[in-house]
Amino acid sequence: MVKVKTLLGSLTLITFGVISIPAMAADGASIAKDKCAACHGEDGNSKDGKIPNIAGFSETALSDMMGEFKSGDRKGDKYKPEDGDETDMNAIAKDLSDDDIAALAKYYSEQKFTAHKGEADAKLAKKGAKKHDKKCEKCHSGGGTNPDDDASLLAGQPREYLTRAFEKLSNGEQPMPKKMKKKFKKLSDDDKKALIEYYVSGGGAN
């Protein structure tokens, strides 16, 4: 009789939610393979010049970016991978839960950033290095290589992506913190070209 009461008591607790089975944590690697690999590669290092490498970014930077895409504050370009349908980051992020975003941010932050190999104009890159030190180093330290800044890694990104990113920053398509916006507005077109060459050259990684 005691055993029956114990069983009935346990069933009652489960029925009313006193005992709950914890949900499985989101698996960043699996989500990356399913949602992100076609564009960013499973390890966050893209083979396409239009797509940035996101491996090695800080969890905070990655979470912030995905949150901006999800809310629509940041607009993503349409892109069609070789083996997939056309989409953009807004559509991808919209389907991600907060747990998914946290899991992806953790996963990609643990991957190793592999710089794109791009030839840069050495003269312009030298000018870009000086401009970076004056305008950008405070938030993108180490010449754009330090993930501890919780900001985008700039050094070693592909030229095509960097050019488009600067264009979007210039025309207001991509949001910026107030401090960055103030400094960015003072950059001339030549300054921007020099900065792009500097980052293509590897920035502070050289």
C-alpha atoms as a PDB file:
ATOM      1  CA  MET A   1       0.000   0.000   0.000  1.00  0.00           C
ATOM      2  CA  VAL A   2       2.870   2.342   0.824  1.00  0.00           C
ATOM      3  CA  LYS A   3       4.415   1.705  -2.584  1.00  0.00           C
ATOM      4  CA  VAL A   4       1.118   2.547  -4.316  1.00  0.00           C
ATOM      5  CA  LYS A   5       0.786   5.825  -2.401  1.00  0.00           C
ATOM      6  CA  THR A   6       4.367   6.726  -3.219  1.00  0.00           C
ATOM      7  CA  LEU A   7       3.796   6.101  -6.917  1.00  0.00           C
ATOM      8  CA  LEU A   8       0.545   8.082  -6.914  1.00  0.00           C
ATOM      9  CA  GLY A   9       2.274  10.924  -5.094  1.00  0.00           C
ATOM     10  CA  SER A  10       5.069  11.030  -7.642  1.00  0.00           C
ATOM     11  CA  LEU A  11       2.633  11.070 -10.543  1.00  0.00           C
ATOM     12  CA  THR A  12       0.713  13.907  -8.900  1.00  0.00           C
ATOM     13  CA  LEU A  13       3.895  15.977  -8.513  1.00  0.00           C
ATOM     14  CA  ILE A  14       4.800  15.453 -12.172  1.00  0.00           C
ATOM     15  CA  THR A  15       1.263  16.292 -13.318  1.00  0.00           C
ATOM     16  CA  PHE A  16       1.237  19.624 -11.505  1.00  0.00           C
ATOM     17  CA  GLY A  17       4.719  20.555 -12.627  1.00  0.00           C
ATOM     18  CA  VAL A  18       6.464  20.306  -9.294  1.00  0.00           C
ATOM     19  CA  ILE A  19       8.960  17.943 -10.902  1.00  0.00           C
ATOM     20  CA  SER A  20      10.193  19.100 -14.289  1.00  0.00           C
ATOM     21  CA  ILE A  21      12.606  17.645 -16.771  1.00  0.00           C
ATOM     22  CA  PRO A  22      15.154  20.305 -17.844  1.00  0.00           C
ATOM     23  CA  ALA A  23      15.174  21.187 -21.546  1.00  0.00           C
ATOM     24  CA  MET A  24      18.247  20.223 -23.512  1.00  0.00           C
ATOM     25  CA  ALA A  25      20.665  23.087 -24.042  1.00  0.00           C
ATOM     26  CA  ALA A  26      20.935  24.428 -27.569  1.00  0.00           C
ATOM     27  CA  ASP A  27      23.827  22.859 -29.485  1.00  0.00           C
ATOM     28  CA  GLY A  28      25.830  25.627 -31.164  1.00  0.00           C
ATOM     29  CA  ALA A  29      27.724  23.283 -33.485  1.00  0.00           C
ATOM     30  CA  SER A  30      24.511  21.684 -34.757  1.00  0.00           C
ATOM     31  CA  ILE A  31      22.777  25.022 -35.256  1.00  0.00           C
ATOM     32  CA  ALA A  32      25.841  26.362 -37.066  1.00  0.00           C
ATOM     33  CA  LYS A  33      25.840  23.392 -39.420  1.00  0.00           C
ATOM     34  CA  ASP A  34      22.124  23.728 -40.117  1.00  0.00           C
ATOM     35  CA  LYS A  35      21.719  27.508 -40.272  1.00  0.00           C
ATOM     36  CA  CYS A  36      25.091  29.138 -40.905  1.00  0.00           C
ATOM     37  CA  ALA A  37      27.602  26.815 -42.556  1.00  0.00           C
ATOM     38  CA  ALA A  38      26.415  27.409 -46.135  1.00  0.00           C
ATOM     39  CA  CYS A  39      27.622  31.014 -45.906  1.00  0.00           C
ATOM     40  CA  HIS A  40      30.067  31.252 -42.996  1.00  0.00           C
ATOM     41  CA  GLY A  41      31.485  27.738 -43.015  1.00  0.00           C
ATOM     42  CA  GLU A  42      30.974  25.334 -40.115  1.00  0.00           C
ATOM     43  CA  ASP A  43      33.920  26.863 -38.222  1.00  0.00           C
ATOM     44  CA  GLY A  44      33.015  30.468 -39.038  1.00  0.00           C
ATOM     45  CA  ASN A  45      35.674  30.964 -41.711  1.00  0.00           C
ATOM     46  CA  SER A  46      34.040  31.833 -45.013  1.00  0.00           C
ATOM     47  CA  LYS A  47      35.463  30.942 -48.408  1.00  0.00           C
ATOM     48  CA  ASP A  48      33.457  33.673 -50.150  1.00  0.00           C
ATOM     49  CA  GLY A  49      34.810  37.226 -50.327  1.00  0.00           C
ATOM     50  CA  LYS A  50      31.340  38.676 -49.751  1.00  0.00           C
ATOM     51  CA  ILE A  51      30.979  36.951 -46.383  1.00  0.00           C
ATOM     52  CA  PRO A  52      32.973  37.868 -43.257  1.00  0.00           C
ATOM     53  CA  ASN A  53      34.807  35.420 -41.054  1.00  0.00           C
ATOM     54  CA  ILE A  54      33.098  35.293 -37.661  1.00  0.00           C
ATOM     55  CA  ALA A  55      35.285  32.677 -35.986  1.00  0.00           C
ATOM     56  CA  GLY A  56      37.071  33.972 -32.908  1.00  0.00           C
ATOM     57  CA  PHE A  57      34.780  36.966 -32.311  1.00  0.00           C
ATOM     58  CA  SER A  58      33.803  37.436 -28.678  1.00  0.00           C
ATOM     59  CA  GLU A  59      30.493  35.999 -27.476  1.00  0.00           C
ATOM     60  CA  THR A  60      29.283  39.522 -26.736  1.00  0.00           C
ATOM     61  CA  ALA A  61      30.093  40.820 -30.218  1.00  0.00           C
ATOM     62  CA  LEU A  62      28.421  37.839 -31.879  1.00  0.00           C
ATOM     63  CA  SER A  63      25.322  38.025 -29.669  1.00  0.00           C
ATOM     64  CA  ASP A  64      24.984  41.760 -30.290  1.00  0.00           C
ATOM     65  CA  MET A  65      25.264  41.364 -34.057  1.00  0.00           C
ATOM     66  CA  MET A  66      22.762  38.520 -34.245  1.00  0.00           C
ATOM     67  CA  GLY A  67      20.413  40.489 -32.006  1.00  0.00           C
ATOM     68  CA  GLU A  68      20.620  43.497 -34.342  1.00  0.00           C
ATOM     69  CA  PHE A  69      19.857  41.305 -37.345  1.00  0.00           C
ATOM     70  CA  LYS A  70      16.956  39.659 -35.512  1.00  0.00           C
ATOM     71  CA  SER A  71      15.396  42.992 -34.530  1.00  0.00           C
ATOM     72  CA  GLY A  72      15.952  44.465 -37.985  1.00  0.00           C
ATOM     73  CA  ASP A  73      18.151  47.288 -36.673  1.00  0.00           C
ATOM     74  CA  ARG A  74      20.898  45.940 -38.897  1.00  0.00           C
ATOM     75  CA  LYS A  75      20.128  45.038 -42.507  1.00  0.00           C
ATOM     76  CA  GLY A  76      21.668  42.006 -44.137  1.00  0.00           C
ATOM     77  CA  ASP A  77      22.467  41.722 -47.836  1.00  0.00           C
ATOM     78  CA  LYS A  78      20.731  39.060 -49.909  1.00  0.00           C
ATOM     79  CA  TYR A  79      23.055  36.151 -50.584  1.00  0.00           C
ATOM     80  CA  LYS A  80      22.717  32.856 -52.433  1.00  0.00           C
ATOM     81  CA  PRO A  81      25.219  30.133 -51.500  1.00  0.00           C
ATOM     82  CA  GLU A  82      26.216  27.618 -54.141  1.00  0.00           C
ATOM     83  CA  ASP A  83      24.206  24.817 -52.596  1.00  0.00           C
ATOM     84  CA  GLY A  84      21.302  26.731 -51.075  1.00  0.00           C
ATOM     85  CA  ASP A  85      18.499  29.232 -51.510  1.00  0.00           C
ATOM     86  CA  GLU A  86      18.862  32.997 -51.426  1.00  0.00           C
ATOM     87  CA  THR A  87      18.500  34.425 -47.945  1.00  0.00           C
ATOM     88  CA  ASP A  88      19.873  37.131 -45.649  1.00  0.00           C
ATOM     89  CA  MET A  89      20.926  37.484 -42.034  1.00  0.00           C
ATOM     90  CA  ASN A  90      17.622  39.075 -41.009  1.00  0.00           C
ATOM     91  CA  ALA A  91      15.669  36.024 -42.141  1.00  0.00           C
ATOM     92  CA  ILE A  92      18.156  33.635 -40.531  1.00  0.00           C
ATOM     93  CA  ALA A  93      18.315  35.488 -37.203  1.00  0.00           C
ATOM     94  CA  LYS A  94      14.538  35.893 -37.012  1.00  0.00           C
ATOM     95  CA  ASP A  95      14.183  32.115 -36.647  1.00  0.00           C
ATOM     96  CA  LEU A  96      16.772  31.900 -33.857  1.00  0.00           C
ATOM     97  CA  SER A  97      15.711  31.802 -30.221  1.00  0.00           C
ATOM     98  CA  ASP A  98      17.704  33.621 -27.549  1.00  0.00           C
ATOM     99  CA  ASP A  99      19.156  30.249 -26.516  1.00  0.00           C
ATOM    100  CA  ASP A 100      20.128  29.537 -30.131  1.00  0.00           C
ATOM    101  CA  ILE A 101      21.920  32.883 -30.368  1.00  0.00           C
ATOM    102  CA  ALA A 102      23.766  32.273 -27.104  1.00  0.00           C
ATOM    103  CA  ALA A 103      24.808  28.790 -28.253  1.00  0.00           C
ATOM    104  CA  LEU A 104      26.001  30.055 -31.642  1.00  0.00           C
ATOM    105  CA  ALA A 105      27.907  32.927 -30.046  1.00  0.00           C
ATOM    106  CA  LYS A 106      29.689  30.523 -27.702  1.00  0.00           C
ATOM    107  CA  TYR A 107      30.459  28.057 -30.492  1.00  0.00           C
ATOM    108  CA  TYR A 108      31.909  30.573 -32.955  1.00  0.00           C
ATOM    109  CA  SER A 109      33.843  32.397 -30.226  1.00  0.00           C
ATOM    110  CA  GLU A 110      35.707  29.144 -29.581  1.00  0.00           C
ATOM    111  CA  GLN A 111      36.726  28.680 -33.225  1.00  0.00           C
ATOM    112  CA  LYS A 112      40.044  29.938 -34.612  1.00  0.00           C
ATOM    113  CA  PHE A 113      39.943  32.953 -36.922  1.00  0.00           C
ATOM    114  CA  THR A 114      41.704  32.265 -40.225  1.00  0.00           C
ATOM    115  CA  ALA A 115      42.672  35.412 -42.112  1.00  0.00           C
ATOM    116  CA  HIS A 116      41.856  35.707 -45.799  1.00  0.00           C
ATOM    117  CA  LYS A 117      44.923  35.964 -47.972  1.00  0.00           C
ATOM    118  CA  GLY A 118      44.604  39.184 -49.922  1.00  0.00           C
ATOM    119  CA  GLU A 119      47.216  41.358 -51.600  1.00  0.00           C
ATOM    120  CA  ALA A 120      47.120  44.930 -50.386  1.00  0.00           C
ATOM    121  CA  ASP A 121      48.556  48.195 -51.608  1.00  0.00           C
ATOM    122  CA  ALA A 122      51.516  48.543 -49.229  1.00  0.00           C
ATOM    123  CA  LYS A 123      51.638  52.331 -49.474  1.00  0.00           C
ATOM    124  CA  LEU A 124      47.944  52.731 -48.732  1.00  0.00           C
ATOM    125  CA  ALA A 125      48.092  50.105 -45.991  1.00  0.00           C
ATOM    126  CA  LYS A 126      50.811  52.116 -44.270  1.00  0.00           C
ATOM    127  CA  LYS A 127      48.572  55.190 -44.337  1.00  0.00           C
ATOM    128  CA  GLY A 128      45.707  53.046 -43.092  1.00  0.00           C
ATOM    129  CA  ALA A 129      47.769  51.849 -40.141  1.00  0.00           C
ATOM    130  CA  LYS A 130      48.333  55.440 -39.021  1.00  0.00           C
ATOM    131  CA  LYS A 131      44.667  56.300 -39.469  1.00  0.00           C
ATOM    132  CA  HIS A 132      43.640  53.180 -37.547  1.00  0.00           C
ATOM    133  CA  ASP A 133      45.908  54.109 -34.642  1.00  0.00           C
ATOM    134  CA  LYS A 134      44.289  57.555 -34.448  1.00  0.00           C
ATOM    135  CA  LYS A 135      40.649  56.676 -35.051  1.00  0.00           C
ATOM    136  CA  CYS A 136      39.994  52.974 -34.465  1.00  0.00           C
ATOM    137  CA  GLU A 137      42.587  51.402 -32.169  1.00  0.00           C
ATOM    138  CA  LYS A 138      40.752  52.276 -28.965  1.00  0.00           C
ATOM    139  CA  CYS A 139      37.835  49.940 -29.791  1.00  0.00           C
ATOM    140  CA  HIS A 140      39.485  47.626 -32.354  1.00  0.00           C
ATOM    141  CA  SER A 141      42.799  47.156 -30.580  1.00  0.00           C
ATOM    142  CA  GLY A 142      45.731  45.123 -31.803  1.00  0.00           C
ATOM    143  CA  GLY A 143      45.197  46.557 -35.261  1.00  0.00           C
ATOM    144  CA  GLY A 144      41.716  45.031 -35.475  1.00  0.00           C
ATOM    145  CA  THR A 145      42.696  41.588 -34.142  1.00  0.00           C
ATOM    146  CA  ASN A 146      41.641  41.599 -30.468  1.00  0.00           C
ATOM    147  CA  PRO A 147      38.347  39.803 -29.651  1.00  0.00           C
ATOM    148  CA  ASP A 148      38.510  41.007 -26.040  1.00  0.00           C
ATOM    149  CA  ASP A 149      37.290  44.389 -27.293  1.00  0.00           C
ATOM    150  CA  ASP A 150      33.851  42.838 -27.943  1.00  0.00           C
ATOM    151  CA  ALA A 151      33.992  44.421 -31.385  1.00  0.00           C
ATOM    152  CA  SER A 152      34.280  43.070 -34.932  1.00  0.00           C
ATOM    153  CA  LEU A 153      37.601  41.553 -35.949  1.00  0.00           C
ATOM    154  CA  LEU A 154      38.664  43.612 -38.963  1.00  0.00           C
ATOM    155  CA  ALA A 155      42.156  42.449 -39.841  1.00  0.00           C
ATOM    156  CA  GLY A 156      42.225  39.594 -42.331  1.00  0.00           C
ATOM    157  CA  GLN A 157      38.668  40.026 -43.567  1.00  0.00           C
ATOM    158  CA  PRO A 158      38.139  39.778 -47.348  1.00  0.00           C
ATOM    159  CA  ARG A 159      38.371  42.989 -49.374  1.00  0.00           C
ATOM    160  CA  GLU A 160      34.933  42.618 -50.950  1.00  0.00           C
ATOM    161  CA  TYR A 161      33.273  42.308 -47.557  1.00  0.00           C
ATOM    162  CA  LEU A 162      35.220  45.203 -46.038  1.00  0.00           C
ATOM    163  CA  THR A 163      34.396  47.469 -48.975  1.00  0.00           C
ATOM    164  CA  ARG A 164      30.685  46.714 -48.651  1.00  0.00           C
ATOM    165  CA  ALA A 165      30.792  47.107 -44.854  1.00  0.00           C
ATOM    166  CA  PHE A 166      32.372  50.561 -45.153  1.00  0.00           C
ATOM    167  CA  GLU A 167      29.763  51.469 -47.744  1.00  0.00           C
ATOM    168  CA  LYS A 168      26.937  50.428 -45.413  1.00  0.00           C
ATOM    169  CA  LEU A 169      28.462  52.352 -42.523  1.00  0.00           C
ATOM    170  CA  SER A 170      28.783  55.403 -44.744  1.00  0.00           C
ATOM    171  CA  ASN A 171      25.172  55.379 -45.971  1.00  0.00           C
ATOM    172  CA  GLY A 172      23.608  54.471 -42.624  1.00  0.00           C
ATOM    173  CA  GLU A 173      22.589  50.903 -43.471  1.00  0.00           C
ATOM    174  CA  GLN A 174      24.661  49.556 -40.599  1.00  0.00           C
ATOM    175  CA  PRO A 175      24.278  50.937 -37.052  1.00  0.00           C
ATOM    176  CA  MET A 176      27.244  52.283 -35.126  1.00  0.00           C
ATOM    177  CA  PRO A 177      27.827  53.243 -31.489  1.00  0.00           C
ATOM    178  CA  LYS A 178      27.718  57.023 -30.983  1.00  0.00           C
ATOM    179  CA  LYS A 179      31.455  57.276 -30.363  1.00  0.00           C
ATOM    180  CA  MET A 180      32.242  55.381 -33.558  1.00  0.00           C
ATOM    181  CA  LYS A 181      29.739  57.381 -35.569  1.00  0.00           C
ATOM    182  CA  LYS A 182      31.390  60.624 -34.503  1.00  0.00           C
ATOM    183  CA  LYS A 183      34.826  59.413 -35.600  1.00  0.00           C
ATOM    184  CA  PHE A 184      33.618  57.674 -38.756  1.00  0.00           C
ATOM    185  CA  LYS A 185      31.967  60.845 -40.067  1.00  0.00           C
ATOM    186  CA  LYS A 186      35.357  62.558 -40.067  1.00  0.00           C
ATOM    187  CA  LEU A 187      36.921  59.926 -42.332  1.00  0.00           C
ATOM    188  CA  SER A 188      37.436  60.948 -45.947  1.00  0.00           C
ATOM    189  CA  ASP A 189      36.931  58.519 -48.814  1.00  0.00           C
ATOM    190  CA  ASP A 190      40.723  58.226 -49.062  1.00  0.00           C
ATOM    191  CA  ASP A 191      40.930  57.434 -45.347  1.00  0.00           C
ATOM    192  CA  LYS A 192      38.419  54.620 -45.786  1.00  0.00           C
ATOM    193  CA  LYS A 193      40.312  53.175 -48.741  1.00  0.00           C
ATOM    194  CA  ALA A 194      43.534  53.245 -46.731  1.00  0.00           C
ATOM    195  CA  LEU A 195      41.880  51.539 -43.764  1.00  0.00           C
ATOM    196  CA  ILE A 196      40.499  48.800 -46.007  1.00  0.00           C
ATOM    197  CA  GLU A 197      43.988  48.165 -47.422  1.00  0.00           C
ATOM    198  CA  TYR A 198      45.385  48.019 -43.896  1.00  0.00           C
ATOM    199  CA  TYR A 199      42.837  45.418 -42.795  1.00  0.00           C
ATOM    200  CA  VAL A 200      43.227  43.401 -45.998  1.00  0.00           C
ATOM    201  CA  SER A 201      46.982  43.349 -45.328  1.00  0.00           C
ATOM    202  CA  GLY A 202      46.312  41.703 -41.964  1.00  0.00           C
ATOM    203  CA  GLY A 203      46.289  44.790 -39.775  1.00  0.00           C
ATOM    204  CA  GLY A 204      47.978  44.259 -36.431  1.00  0.00           C
ATOM    205  CA  ALA A 205      48.585  40.597 -37.218  1.00  0.00           C
ATOM    206  CA  ASN A 206      51.588  41.613 -39.352  1.00  0.00           C
END
